[in-house]
N, C-alpha and C. Protein backbone atom coordinates (compact mmCIF):
# COMPACT_ATOMS: atom_id res chain seq x y z
N UNK A 1 110.79 88.68 124.25
CA UNK A 1 109.82 89.69 123.75
C UNK A 1 108.83 90.05 124.79
N UNK A 2 108.71 91.31 125.14
CA UNK A 2 107.74 91.77 126.10
C UNK A 2 106.34 91.62 125.58
N UNK A 3 105.44 91.45 126.50
CA UNK A 3 104.09 91.28 126.08
C UNK A 3 103.34 92.68 126.07
N UNK A 4 102.85 93.14 124.96
CA UNK A 4 102.21 94.46 124.97
C UNK A 4 101.03 94.53 125.86
N UNK A 5 100.91 95.59 126.59
CA UNK A 5 99.78 95.81 127.55
C UNK A 5 98.63 96.37 126.85
N UNK A 6 97.48 96.18 127.47
CA UNK A 6 96.25 96.83 126.91
C UNK A 6 96.22 98.23 127.30
N UNK A 7 96.16 99.18 126.32
CA UNK A 7 96.16 100.52 126.55
C UNK A 7 95.25 101.15 125.49
N UNK A 8 94.73 102.34 125.86
CA UNK A 8 93.96 103.10 124.80
C UNK A 8 94.80 103.37 123.60
N UNK A 9 94.16 103.31 122.43
CA UNK A 9 94.97 103.62 121.23
C UNK A 9 95.63 104.93 121.24
N UNK A 10 95.10 105.89 121.94
CA UNK A 10 95.58 107.25 121.96
C UNK A 10 96.81 107.32 122.94
N UNK A 11 97.11 106.34 123.61
CA UNK A 11 98.25 106.34 124.54
C UNK A 11 99.50 105.74 123.93
N UNK A 12 100.65 106.34 124.18
CA UNK A 12 101.93 105.90 123.68
C UNK A 12 102.38 104.69 124.41
N UNK A 13 101.75 103.54 124.03
CA UNK A 13 101.98 102.34 124.88
C UNK A 13 103.42 101.95 124.88
N UNK A 14 104.14 101.95 123.80
CA UNK A 14 105.48 101.41 123.78
C UNK A 14 106.43 102.36 124.58
N UNK A 15 106.21 103.65 124.46
CA UNK A 15 107.06 104.54 125.26
C UNK A 15 106.82 104.29 126.71
N UNK A 16 105.59 104.02 127.02
CA UNK A 16 105.31 103.81 128.59
C UNK A 16 106.08 102.59 129.05
N UNK A 17 106.39 101.63 128.15
CA UNK A 17 107.08 100.44 128.54
C UNK A 17 108.54 100.57 128.53
N UNK A 18 109.16 101.44 127.67
CA UNK A 18 110.53 101.51 127.37
C UNK A 18 111.29 102.76 127.79
N UNK A 19 110.65 103.79 127.83
CA UNK A 19 111.36 105.09 128.13
C UNK A 19 111.55 105.30 129.60
N UNK A 20 112.60 105.97 129.97
CA UNK A 20 112.76 106.47 131.40
C UNK A 20 111.57 107.27 131.77
N UNK A 21 111.10 107.16 133.01
CA UNK A 21 109.97 107.88 133.45
C UNK A 21 110.27 109.41 133.41
N UNK A 22 111.51 109.82 133.51
CA UNK A 22 111.77 111.25 133.53
C UNK A 22 111.80 111.87 132.09
N UNK A 23 111.69 111.11 131.07
CA UNK A 23 111.68 111.72 129.72
C UNK A 23 110.57 112.67 129.53
N UNK A 24 110.80 113.86 129.08
CA UNK A 24 109.89 114.94 128.96
C UNK A 24 109.05 114.73 127.76
N UNK A 25 107.79 115.18 127.83
CA UNK A 25 106.89 115.14 126.69
C UNK A 25 107.39 115.99 125.59
N UNK A 26 106.98 115.65 124.35
CA UNK A 26 107.40 116.44 123.17
C UNK A 26 106.17 116.89 122.49
N UNK A 27 105.99 118.11 122.10
CA UNK A 27 104.79 118.58 121.40
C UNK A 27 104.42 117.84 120.17
N UNK A 28 105.37 117.45 119.40
CA UNK A 28 105.11 116.66 118.20
C UNK A 28 104.53 115.27 118.57
N UNK A 29 105.08 114.59 119.49
CA UNK A 29 104.53 113.38 119.95
C UNK A 29 103.14 113.57 120.53
N UNK A 30 102.90 114.63 121.30
CA UNK A 30 101.63 114.84 121.91
C UNK A 30 100.60 115.12 120.80
N UNK A 31 101.04 115.79 119.77
CA UNK A 31 100.08 116.10 118.65
C UNK A 31 99.72 114.79 117.94
N UNK A 32 100.75 113.94 117.65
CA UNK A 32 100.47 112.67 117.02
C UNK A 32 99.48 111.80 117.79
N UNK A 33 99.68 111.73 119.07
CA UNK A 33 98.83 110.83 119.85
C UNK A 33 97.41 111.46 120.12
N UNK A 34 97.35 112.72 120.08
CA UNK A 34 96.02 113.38 120.10
C UNK A 34 95.24 113.03 118.80
N UNK A 35 95.96 113.04 117.69
CA UNK A 35 95.38 112.73 116.39
C UNK A 35 94.88 111.25 116.37
N UNK A 36 95.80 110.34 116.91
CA UNK A 36 95.42 108.96 117.02
C UNK A 36 94.20 108.76 117.87
N UNK A 37 94.15 109.42 118.96
CA UNK A 37 93.02 109.31 119.88
C UNK A 37 91.65 109.70 119.20
N UNK A 38 91.70 110.72 118.38
CA UNK A 38 90.53 111.14 117.62
C UNK A 38 89.98 110.07 116.69
N UNK A 39 90.98 109.25 116.19
CA UNK A 39 90.49 108.20 115.23
C UNK A 39 90.62 106.84 115.80
N UNK A 40 90.43 106.75 117.12
CA UNK A 40 90.63 105.47 117.85
C UNK A 40 89.87 104.31 117.22
N UNK A 41 88.54 104.52 117.06
CA UNK A 41 87.72 103.40 116.53
C UNK A 41 88.18 102.91 115.20
N UNK A 42 88.45 103.84 114.29
CA UNK A 42 88.97 103.48 112.91
C UNK A 42 90.31 102.77 112.96
N UNK A 43 91.22 103.35 113.75
CA UNK A 43 92.57 102.80 113.80
C UNK A 43 92.49 101.32 114.38
N UNK A 44 91.73 101.11 115.45
CA UNK A 44 91.60 99.78 115.97
C UNK A 44 91.09 98.79 114.95
N UNK A 45 90.11 99.22 114.14
CA UNK A 45 89.61 98.28 113.10
C UNK A 45 90.66 98.01 112.09
N UNK A 46 91.47 99.06 111.66
CA UNK A 46 92.45 98.80 110.67
C UNK A 46 93.68 97.96 111.20
N UNK A 47 93.90 98.22 112.48
CA UNK A 47 94.98 97.39 113.12
C UNK A 47 94.48 95.86 113.15
N UNK A 48 93.21 95.60 113.39
CA UNK A 48 92.69 94.24 113.47
C UNK A 48 92.83 93.56 112.07
N UNK A 49 92.82 94.40 111.01
CA UNK A 49 92.92 93.84 109.69
C UNK A 49 94.38 93.97 109.17
N UNK A 50 95.28 94.38 109.96
CA UNK A 50 96.70 94.53 109.58
C UNK A 50 96.89 95.54 108.48
N UNK A 51 96.05 96.57 108.40
CA UNK A 51 96.10 97.54 107.35
C UNK A 51 96.96 98.79 107.83
N UNK A 52 98.20 98.43 108.10
CA UNK A 52 99.08 99.45 108.61
C UNK A 52 99.48 100.50 107.58
N UNK A 53 99.51 100.17 106.32
CA UNK A 53 99.73 101.18 105.37
C UNK A 53 98.66 102.22 105.30
N UNK A 54 97.41 101.79 105.39
CA UNK A 54 96.34 102.78 105.43
C UNK A 54 96.38 103.68 106.66
N UNK A 55 96.74 103.10 107.77
CA UNK A 55 96.90 103.91 109.01
C UNK A 55 97.86 105.03 108.81
N UNK A 56 99.09 104.63 108.22
CA UNK A 56 100.19 105.58 108.03
C UNK A 56 99.72 106.70 107.09
N UNK A 57 99.16 106.35 105.98
CA UNK A 57 98.67 107.36 105.07
C UNK A 57 97.62 108.25 105.64
N UNK A 58 96.76 107.79 106.42
CA UNK A 58 95.67 108.59 107.08
C UNK A 58 96.25 109.57 108.06
N UNK A 59 97.28 109.06 108.83
CA UNK A 59 97.86 109.93 109.83
C UNK A 59 98.65 110.99 109.17
N UNK A 60 99.41 110.65 108.11
CA UNK A 60 100.23 111.67 107.42
C UNK A 60 99.34 112.70 106.82
N UNK A 61 98.21 112.29 106.31
CA UNK A 61 97.30 113.26 105.70
C UNK A 61 96.81 114.29 106.70
N UNK A 62 96.54 113.77 107.95
CA UNK A 62 96.02 114.61 109.03
C UNK A 62 97.06 115.47 109.76
N UNK A 63 98.32 114.93 109.67
CA UNK A 63 99.40 115.51 110.55
C UNK A 63 100.54 116.21 109.86
N UNK A 64 100.80 115.84 108.60
CA UNK A 64 102.09 116.34 107.97
C UNK A 64 102.24 117.85 108.03
N UNK A 65 101.27 118.58 107.62
CA UNK A 65 101.39 120.07 107.45
C UNK A 65 101.68 120.74 108.92
N UNK A 66 100.93 120.25 109.85
CA UNK A 66 101.07 120.78 111.19
C UNK A 66 102.50 120.44 111.79
N UNK A 67 102.92 119.21 111.56
CA UNK A 67 104.20 118.75 112.07
C UNK A 67 105.32 119.59 111.55
N UNK A 68 105.35 119.86 110.25
CA UNK A 68 106.48 120.66 109.66
C UNK A 68 106.43 122.08 110.12
N UNK A 69 105.28 122.52 110.65
CA UNK A 69 105.19 123.90 111.10
C UNK A 69 105.62 123.99 112.56
N UNK A 70 105.98 122.85 113.19
CA UNK A 70 106.38 122.88 114.66
C UNK A 70 107.81 122.92 114.91
N UNK A 71 108.64 123.13 113.90
CA UNK A 71 110.02 123.28 114.03
C UNK A 71 110.71 123.04 112.69
N UNK A 72 112.06 122.77 112.81
CA UNK A 72 112.83 122.54 111.61
C UNK A 72 112.25 121.28 110.93
N UNK A 73 112.07 121.31 109.65
CA UNK A 73 111.34 120.23 108.91
C UNK A 73 111.89 118.85 109.22
N UNK A 74 113.22 118.61 108.97
CA UNK A 74 113.78 117.31 109.08
C UNK A 74 113.73 116.79 110.56
N UNK A 75 114.00 117.67 111.45
CA UNK A 75 113.99 117.34 112.90
C UNK A 75 112.53 116.95 113.29
N UNK A 76 111.57 117.80 112.90
CA UNK A 76 110.17 117.56 113.31
C UNK A 76 109.68 116.25 112.75
N UNK A 77 109.87 116.03 111.44
CA UNK A 77 109.46 114.81 110.77
C UNK A 77 110.14 113.55 111.36
N UNK A 78 111.42 113.76 111.72
CA UNK A 78 112.16 112.67 112.40
C UNK A 78 111.55 112.17 113.68
N UNK A 79 111.21 113.19 114.49
CA UNK A 79 110.62 112.89 115.79
C UNK A 79 109.22 112.22 115.51
N UNK A 80 108.47 112.77 114.61
CA UNK A 80 107.16 112.29 114.19
C UNK A 80 107.19 110.81 113.81
N UNK A 81 107.99 110.47 112.82
CA UNK A 81 108.04 109.15 112.26
C UNK A 81 108.62 108.13 113.34
N UNK A 82 109.50 108.55 114.11
CA UNK A 82 110.09 107.62 115.16
C UNK A 82 108.93 107.26 116.10
N UNK A 83 108.14 108.24 116.50
CA UNK A 83 107.06 108.00 117.48
C UNK A 83 105.98 107.12 116.85
N UNK A 84 105.65 107.40 115.57
CA UNK A 84 104.60 106.73 114.82
C UNK A 84 104.99 105.26 114.70
N UNK A 85 106.23 105.04 114.22
CA UNK A 85 106.72 103.66 114.00
C UNK A 85 106.76 102.91 115.25
N UNK A 86 107.19 103.53 116.33
CA UNK A 86 107.29 102.70 117.60
C UNK A 86 105.90 102.33 118.04
N UNK A 87 104.90 103.18 117.85
CA UNK A 87 103.53 102.87 118.27
C UNK A 87 103.00 101.79 117.36
N UNK A 88 103.24 101.84 116.06
CA UNK A 88 102.69 100.86 115.19
C UNK A 88 103.39 99.50 115.35
N UNK A 89 104.70 99.51 115.66
CA UNK A 89 105.40 98.26 115.92
C UNK A 89 104.81 97.61 117.11
N UNK A 90 104.48 98.32 118.13
CA UNK A 90 103.81 97.73 119.32
C UNK A 90 102.54 97.05 118.97
N UNK A 91 101.71 97.75 118.18
CA UNK A 91 100.40 97.18 117.83
C UNK A 91 100.53 96.08 116.83
N UNK A 92 101.59 95.96 116.11
CA UNK A 92 101.84 94.81 115.24
C UNK A 92 102.53 93.74 115.92
N UNK A 93 102.77 93.84 117.30
CA UNK A 93 103.37 92.81 118.11
C UNK A 93 104.82 92.52 117.64
N UNK A 94 105.49 93.58 117.18
CA UNK A 94 106.85 93.46 116.78
C UNK A 94 107.73 94.11 117.86
N UNK A 95 108.61 93.34 118.55
CA UNK A 95 109.48 93.86 119.61
C UNK A 95 110.42 94.91 119.02
N UNK A 96 110.67 96.00 119.77
CA UNK A 96 111.66 97.03 119.28
C UNK A 96 112.06 97.84 120.49
N UNK A 97 113.13 98.56 120.26
CA UNK A 97 113.67 99.52 121.21
C UNK A 97 113.97 100.76 120.47
N UNK A 98 113.84 101.98 121.12
CA UNK A 98 114.16 103.18 120.44
C UNK A 98 115.09 104.08 121.28
N UNK A 99 115.81 104.93 120.52
CA UNK A 99 116.66 105.89 121.19
C UNK A 99 117.55 105.29 122.32
N UNK A 100 118.36 104.31 121.86
CA UNK A 100 119.26 103.73 122.78
C UNK A 100 120.68 103.91 122.27
N UNK A 101 121.65 103.71 123.23
CA UNK A 101 123.07 103.91 122.81
C UNK A 101 123.79 102.55 123.01
N UNK A 102 124.67 102.26 122.09
CA UNK A 102 125.52 101.06 122.18
C UNK A 102 126.94 101.38 121.75
N UNK A 103 127.89 101.20 122.58
CA UNK A 103 129.27 101.40 122.30
C UNK A 103 129.44 102.87 121.82
N UNK A 104 128.68 103.79 122.43
CA UNK A 104 128.75 105.23 122.09
C UNK A 104 128.13 105.62 120.84
N UNK A 105 127.33 104.70 120.24
CA UNK A 105 126.61 104.99 118.97
C UNK A 105 125.14 105.03 119.23
N UNK A 106 124.53 106.11 118.78
CA UNK A 106 123.11 106.30 118.93
C UNK A 106 122.30 105.48 117.95
N UNK A 107 121.28 104.81 118.44
CA UNK A 107 120.33 104.01 117.61
C UNK A 107 119.01 104.52 117.72
N UNK A 108 118.38 104.82 116.54
CA UNK A 108 117.00 105.40 116.58
C UNK A 108 115.97 104.36 116.84
N UNK A 109 116.03 103.26 116.08
CA UNK A 109 115.13 102.13 116.31
C UNK A 109 115.83 100.88 116.08
N UNK A 110 115.73 99.89 116.96
CA UNK A 110 116.36 98.58 116.70
C UNK A 110 115.29 97.45 116.94
N UNK A 111 115.40 96.49 116.05
CA UNK A 111 114.35 95.37 116.06
C UNK A 111 115.14 94.07 116.03
N UNK A 112 114.94 93.18 116.97
CA UNK A 112 113.94 93.28 118.11
C UNK A 112 114.47 94.02 119.27
N UNK A 113 115.88 93.87 119.58
CA UNK A 113 116.48 94.57 120.71
C UNK A 113 118.03 94.49 120.63
N UNK A 114 118.63 95.22 121.59
CA UNK A 114 120.07 95.23 121.63
C UNK A 114 120.69 93.90 121.94
N UNK A 115 120.02 93.14 122.83
CA UNK A 115 120.48 91.84 123.18
C UNK A 115 120.63 90.93 121.97
N UNK A 116 119.67 90.95 121.06
CA UNK A 116 119.71 90.10 119.88
C UNK A 116 120.85 90.64 118.95
N UNK A 117 121.09 91.90 118.85
CA UNK A 117 122.19 92.46 118.02
C UNK A 117 123.55 91.88 118.46
N UNK A 118 123.74 91.80 119.79
CA UNK A 118 124.97 91.25 120.30
C UNK A 118 125.14 89.79 120.02
N UNK A 119 124.02 89.02 120.00
CA UNK A 119 124.09 87.58 119.85
C UNK A 119 124.04 87.16 118.39
N UNK A 120 123.10 87.84 117.63
CA UNK A 120 122.86 87.40 116.27
C UNK A 120 122.47 88.58 115.39
N UNK A 121 123.47 89.31 114.82
CA UNK A 121 123.17 90.44 114.01
C UNK A 121 122.32 90.25 112.78
N UNK A 122 122.31 88.95 112.33
CA UNK A 122 121.58 88.62 111.14
C UNK A 122 120.12 88.77 111.37
N UNK A 123 119.68 88.58 112.64
CA UNK A 123 118.22 88.70 113.11
C UNK A 123 117.91 90.05 113.65
N UNK A 124 118.77 90.98 113.43
CA UNK A 124 118.60 92.31 113.94
C UNK A 124 118.52 93.41 112.88
N UNK A 125 117.54 94.23 113.03
CA UNK A 125 117.32 95.36 112.09
C UNK A 125 117.54 96.67 112.77
N UNK A 126 118.33 97.53 112.20
CA UNK A 126 118.48 98.89 112.77
C UNK A 126 117.85 99.90 111.73
N UNK A 127 117.06 100.73 112.27
CA UNK A 127 116.43 101.82 111.38
C UNK A 127 117.08 103.19 111.79
N UNK A 128 117.74 103.84 110.82
CA UNK A 128 118.39 105.08 111.05
C UNK A 128 117.49 106.20 110.54
N UNK A 129 117.28 107.11 111.40
CA UNK A 129 116.43 108.32 111.05
C UNK A 129 117.29 109.55 111.37
N UNK A 130 118.09 109.98 110.35
CA UNK A 130 119.15 110.99 110.68
C UNK A 130 118.60 112.41 110.84
N UNK A 131 117.34 112.76 110.53
CA UNK A 131 116.83 114.05 110.79
C UNK A 131 117.65 115.15 110.08
N UNK A 132 118.11 114.80 108.87
CA UNK A 132 118.88 115.77 108.09
C UNK A 132 118.85 115.25 106.59
N UNK A 133 119.11 116.13 105.67
CA UNK A 133 119.30 115.71 104.31
C UNK A 133 120.74 115.91 103.90
N UNK A 134 121.57 116.20 104.75
CA UNK A 134 123.01 116.35 104.47
C UNK A 134 123.63 114.95 104.25
N UNK A 135 123.98 114.64 103.01
CA UNK A 135 124.48 113.29 102.66
C UNK A 135 125.75 112.95 103.47
N UNK A 136 126.62 113.88 103.67
CA UNK A 136 127.83 113.59 104.46
C UNK A 136 127.46 113.24 105.85
N UNK A 137 126.60 113.93 106.51
CA UNK A 137 126.24 113.64 107.86
C UNK A 137 125.55 112.23 107.98
N UNK A 138 124.69 111.95 107.00
CA UNK A 138 123.98 110.71 107.00
C UNK A 138 125.03 109.54 106.80
N UNK A 139 125.98 109.73 105.82
CA UNK A 139 127.00 108.69 105.65
C UNK A 139 127.85 108.51 106.87
N UNK A 140 128.17 109.51 107.62
CA UNK A 140 128.94 109.42 108.81
C UNK A 140 128.15 108.61 109.81
N UNK A 141 126.87 108.79 109.92
CA UNK A 141 126.07 108.11 110.90
C UNK A 141 125.93 106.62 110.48
N UNK A 142 125.83 106.39 109.20
CA UNK A 142 125.76 104.92 108.70
C UNK A 142 127.01 104.28 109.00
N UNK A 143 128.15 104.95 108.78
CA UNK A 143 129.52 104.31 109.08
C UNK A 143 129.57 103.95 110.56
N UNK A 144 129.02 104.79 111.42
CA UNK A 144 129.07 104.53 112.85
C UNK A 144 128.24 103.30 113.15
N UNK A 145 127.04 103.20 112.58
CA UNK A 145 126.11 102.10 112.84
C UNK A 145 126.69 100.76 112.31
N UNK A 146 127.38 100.86 111.20
CA UNK A 146 128.01 99.72 110.58
C UNK A 146 129.12 99.16 111.44
N UNK A 147 129.56 99.84 112.46
CA UNK A 147 130.57 99.30 113.37
C UNK A 147 129.93 98.34 114.35
N UNK A 148 128.62 98.47 114.57
CA UNK A 148 127.95 97.58 115.48
C UNK A 148 127.02 96.62 114.76
N UNK A 149 126.63 96.94 113.55
CA UNK A 149 125.77 96.08 112.73
C UNK A 149 126.52 95.82 111.39
N UNK A 150 127.27 94.75 111.27
CA UNK A 150 128.13 94.60 110.10
C UNK A 150 127.35 94.22 108.93
N UNK A 151 126.09 93.76 109.02
CA UNK A 151 125.30 93.38 107.93
C UNK A 151 124.56 94.66 107.37
N UNK A 152 125.11 95.18 106.25
CA UNK A 152 124.61 96.46 105.72
C UNK A 152 123.13 96.34 105.35
N UNK A 153 122.71 95.23 104.86
CA UNK A 153 121.35 95.04 104.39
C UNK A 153 120.36 95.18 105.64
N UNK A 154 120.87 95.00 106.78
CA UNK A 154 119.98 95.16 107.99
C UNK A 154 120.07 96.51 108.64
N UNK A 155 120.52 97.49 107.89
CA UNK A 155 120.42 98.86 108.25
C UNK A 155 119.56 99.57 107.27
N UNK A 156 118.44 100.11 107.70
CA UNK A 156 117.58 100.83 106.83
C UNK A 156 117.54 102.33 107.16
N UNK A 157 117.19 103.20 106.20
CA UNK A 157 117.24 104.66 106.40
C UNK A 157 115.94 105.26 106.05
N UNK A 158 115.57 106.25 106.82
CA UNK A 158 114.35 107.04 106.65
C UNK A 158 114.80 108.47 106.50
N UNK A 159 114.50 109.13 105.37
CA UNK A 159 114.85 110.52 105.15
C UNK A 159 113.68 111.24 104.54
N UNK A 160 113.79 112.60 104.44
CA UNK A 160 112.75 113.39 103.79
C UNK A 160 113.03 113.74 102.35
N UNK A 161 114.17 113.16 101.82
CA UNK A 161 114.57 113.54 100.45
C UNK A 161 115.29 112.29 99.87
N UNK A 162 115.06 111.98 98.60
CA UNK A 162 115.68 110.86 97.98
C UNK A 162 117.16 111.13 97.83
N UNK A 163 117.99 110.21 98.44
CA UNK A 163 119.38 110.28 98.38
C UNK A 163 119.90 108.89 98.08
N UNK A 164 120.78 108.74 97.16
CA UNK A 164 121.26 107.47 96.76
C UNK A 164 122.15 106.78 97.80
N UNK A 165 121.61 105.79 98.45
CA UNK A 165 122.48 104.95 99.38
C UNK A 165 122.30 103.48 99.03
N UNK A 166 123.29 102.70 99.41
CA UNK A 166 123.18 101.33 99.14
C UNK A 166 122.11 100.63 100.14
N UNK A 167 121.94 101.32 101.22
CA UNK A 167 120.99 100.84 102.24
C UNK A 167 119.54 100.97 101.73
N UNK A 168 118.66 100.12 102.13
CA UNK A 168 117.24 100.24 101.90
C UNK A 168 116.77 101.60 102.47
N UNK A 169 116.09 102.44 101.70
CA UNK A 169 115.74 103.73 102.14
C UNK A 169 114.36 104.04 101.93
N UNK A 170 113.65 104.64 102.90
CA UNK A 170 112.25 105.08 102.79
C UNK A 170 112.23 106.63 102.84
N UNK A 171 111.32 107.17 101.99
CA UNK A 171 111.21 108.59 101.93
C UNK A 171 109.94 109.10 102.64
N UNK A 172 110.03 110.12 103.53
CA UNK A 172 108.96 110.71 104.19
C UNK A 172 108.30 111.74 103.17
N UNK A 173 107.12 111.45 102.72
CA UNK A 173 106.41 112.40 101.85
C UNK A 173 105.07 112.85 102.47
N UNK A 174 104.51 113.86 101.94
CA UNK A 174 103.31 114.38 102.52
C UNK A 174 102.13 113.50 102.65
N UNK A 175 102.02 112.58 101.70
CA UNK A 175 100.90 111.62 101.66
C UNK A 175 101.30 110.36 102.42
N UNK A 176 102.58 110.17 102.81
CA UNK A 176 102.96 108.93 103.49
C UNK A 176 103.00 107.75 102.60
N UNK A 177 102.83 107.82 101.34
CA UNK A 177 102.78 106.71 100.50
C UNK A 177 104.07 106.02 100.27
N UNK A 178 105.19 106.81 100.31
CA UNK A 178 106.51 106.20 100.04
C UNK A 178 107.06 105.42 101.30
N UNK A 179 106.43 105.65 102.35
CA UNK A 179 106.88 104.96 103.62
C UNK A 179 105.77 104.01 104.16
N UNK A 180 104.62 103.99 103.54
CA UNK A 180 103.44 103.31 104.09
C UNK A 180 103.63 101.80 104.23
N UNK A 181 104.55 101.19 103.40
CA UNK A 181 104.74 99.75 103.51
C UNK A 181 105.75 99.30 104.50
N UNK A 182 106.31 100.24 105.25
CA UNK A 182 107.47 99.88 106.10
C UNK A 182 107.06 98.84 107.23
N UNK A 183 105.92 98.88 107.75
CA UNK A 183 105.56 97.96 108.83
C UNK A 183 105.41 96.53 108.18
N UNK A 184 104.90 96.48 106.99
CA UNK A 184 104.80 95.14 106.33
C UNK A 184 106.24 94.65 106.04
N UNK A 185 107.15 95.57 105.64
CA UNK A 185 108.45 95.14 105.33
C UNK A 185 109.23 94.67 106.55
N UNK A 186 109.01 95.35 107.62
CA UNK A 186 109.64 95.01 108.89
C UNK A 186 109.08 93.65 109.37
N UNK A 187 107.87 93.46 109.26
CA UNK A 187 107.17 92.18 109.66
C UNK A 187 107.73 91.00 108.83
N UNK A 188 107.90 91.28 107.48
CA UNK A 188 108.47 90.29 106.67
C UNK A 188 109.91 89.90 107.06
N UNK A 189 110.72 90.95 107.46
CA UNK A 189 112.06 90.70 108.02
C UNK A 189 111.98 89.85 109.23
N UNK A 190 111.13 90.16 110.17
CA UNK A 190 111.01 89.44 111.40
C UNK A 190 110.57 88.07 111.18
N UNK A 191 109.58 87.88 110.32
CA UNK A 191 109.05 86.54 110.05
C UNK A 191 110.09 85.62 109.37
N UNK A 192 110.77 86.20 108.45
CA UNK A 192 111.90 85.40 107.78
C UNK A 192 112.96 85.04 108.68
N UNK A 193 113.36 85.96 109.53
CA UNK A 193 114.42 85.67 110.48
C UNK A 193 114.06 84.86 111.69
N UNK A 194 112.73 84.67 111.78
CA UNK A 194 112.22 83.79 112.88
C UNK A 194 112.37 84.43 114.26
N UNK A 195 112.17 85.71 114.35
CA UNK A 195 112.35 86.36 115.76
C UNK A 195 111.12 86.21 116.55
N UNK A 196 110.03 85.76 115.99
CA UNK A 196 108.77 85.69 116.76
C UNK A 196 108.24 84.22 116.66
N UNK A 197 107.49 83.83 117.67
CA UNK A 197 107.06 82.37 117.67
C UNK A 197 105.78 82.19 116.79
N UNK A 198 105.23 83.27 116.23
CA UNK A 198 104.16 83.15 115.25
C UNK A 198 104.32 84.19 114.20
N UNK A 199 103.62 84.03 113.14
CA UNK A 199 103.65 84.94 112.04
C UNK A 199 102.85 86.21 112.45
N UNK A 200 103.44 87.40 112.21
CA UNK A 200 102.90 88.66 112.71
C UNK A 200 101.82 89.11 111.80
N UNK A 201 102.08 89.27 110.56
CA UNK A 201 101.13 89.81 109.61
C UNK A 201 101.01 88.90 108.39
N UNK A 202 99.90 88.94 107.76
CA UNK A 202 99.70 88.13 106.61
C UNK A 202 100.39 88.90 105.49
N UNK A 203 101.55 88.44 105.01
CA UNK A 203 102.31 89.06 103.96
C UNK A 203 102.55 88.17 102.80
């Protein structure tokens, strides 16, 4: 597990550690972190209290309408939630990687990392953010992911519309309430599987 570096809350600390330096900035990411920077003091206080649900709901309230106006809805919200989750995971001290490829299969977010997936899939969580509400496309993507993560319960899905899947699914809604517990749920998964040397959040 890499040690999170001290950075301003408004800076995308996880991306600075994991992304290739040549990766171009994205307007939606920039908007998100500008919003985070404006609420830096409040967010730091909420992080210190592990109130990640409140952070998510506040950010959604401030950002949702603008984000969906910045491009195609599902694509824009997919970029937004991927960036937000990676930022919050860093601040929750939960190891993760984003936007990586394994055996030709794209992975949106993997916890804790690809190395653990190869060694012990039971301790590895993959979060699929398909950026579409087309059930056939989502099913195809899930089938691909299940080739590298055989434990279906360890593949979670984030969509903008309620679709019936066997996988644990979170819905992106305007208030952020239907997805606000995801950091606590991830922390519980990590704590139960023993991926960290200490308990991350009081759950």
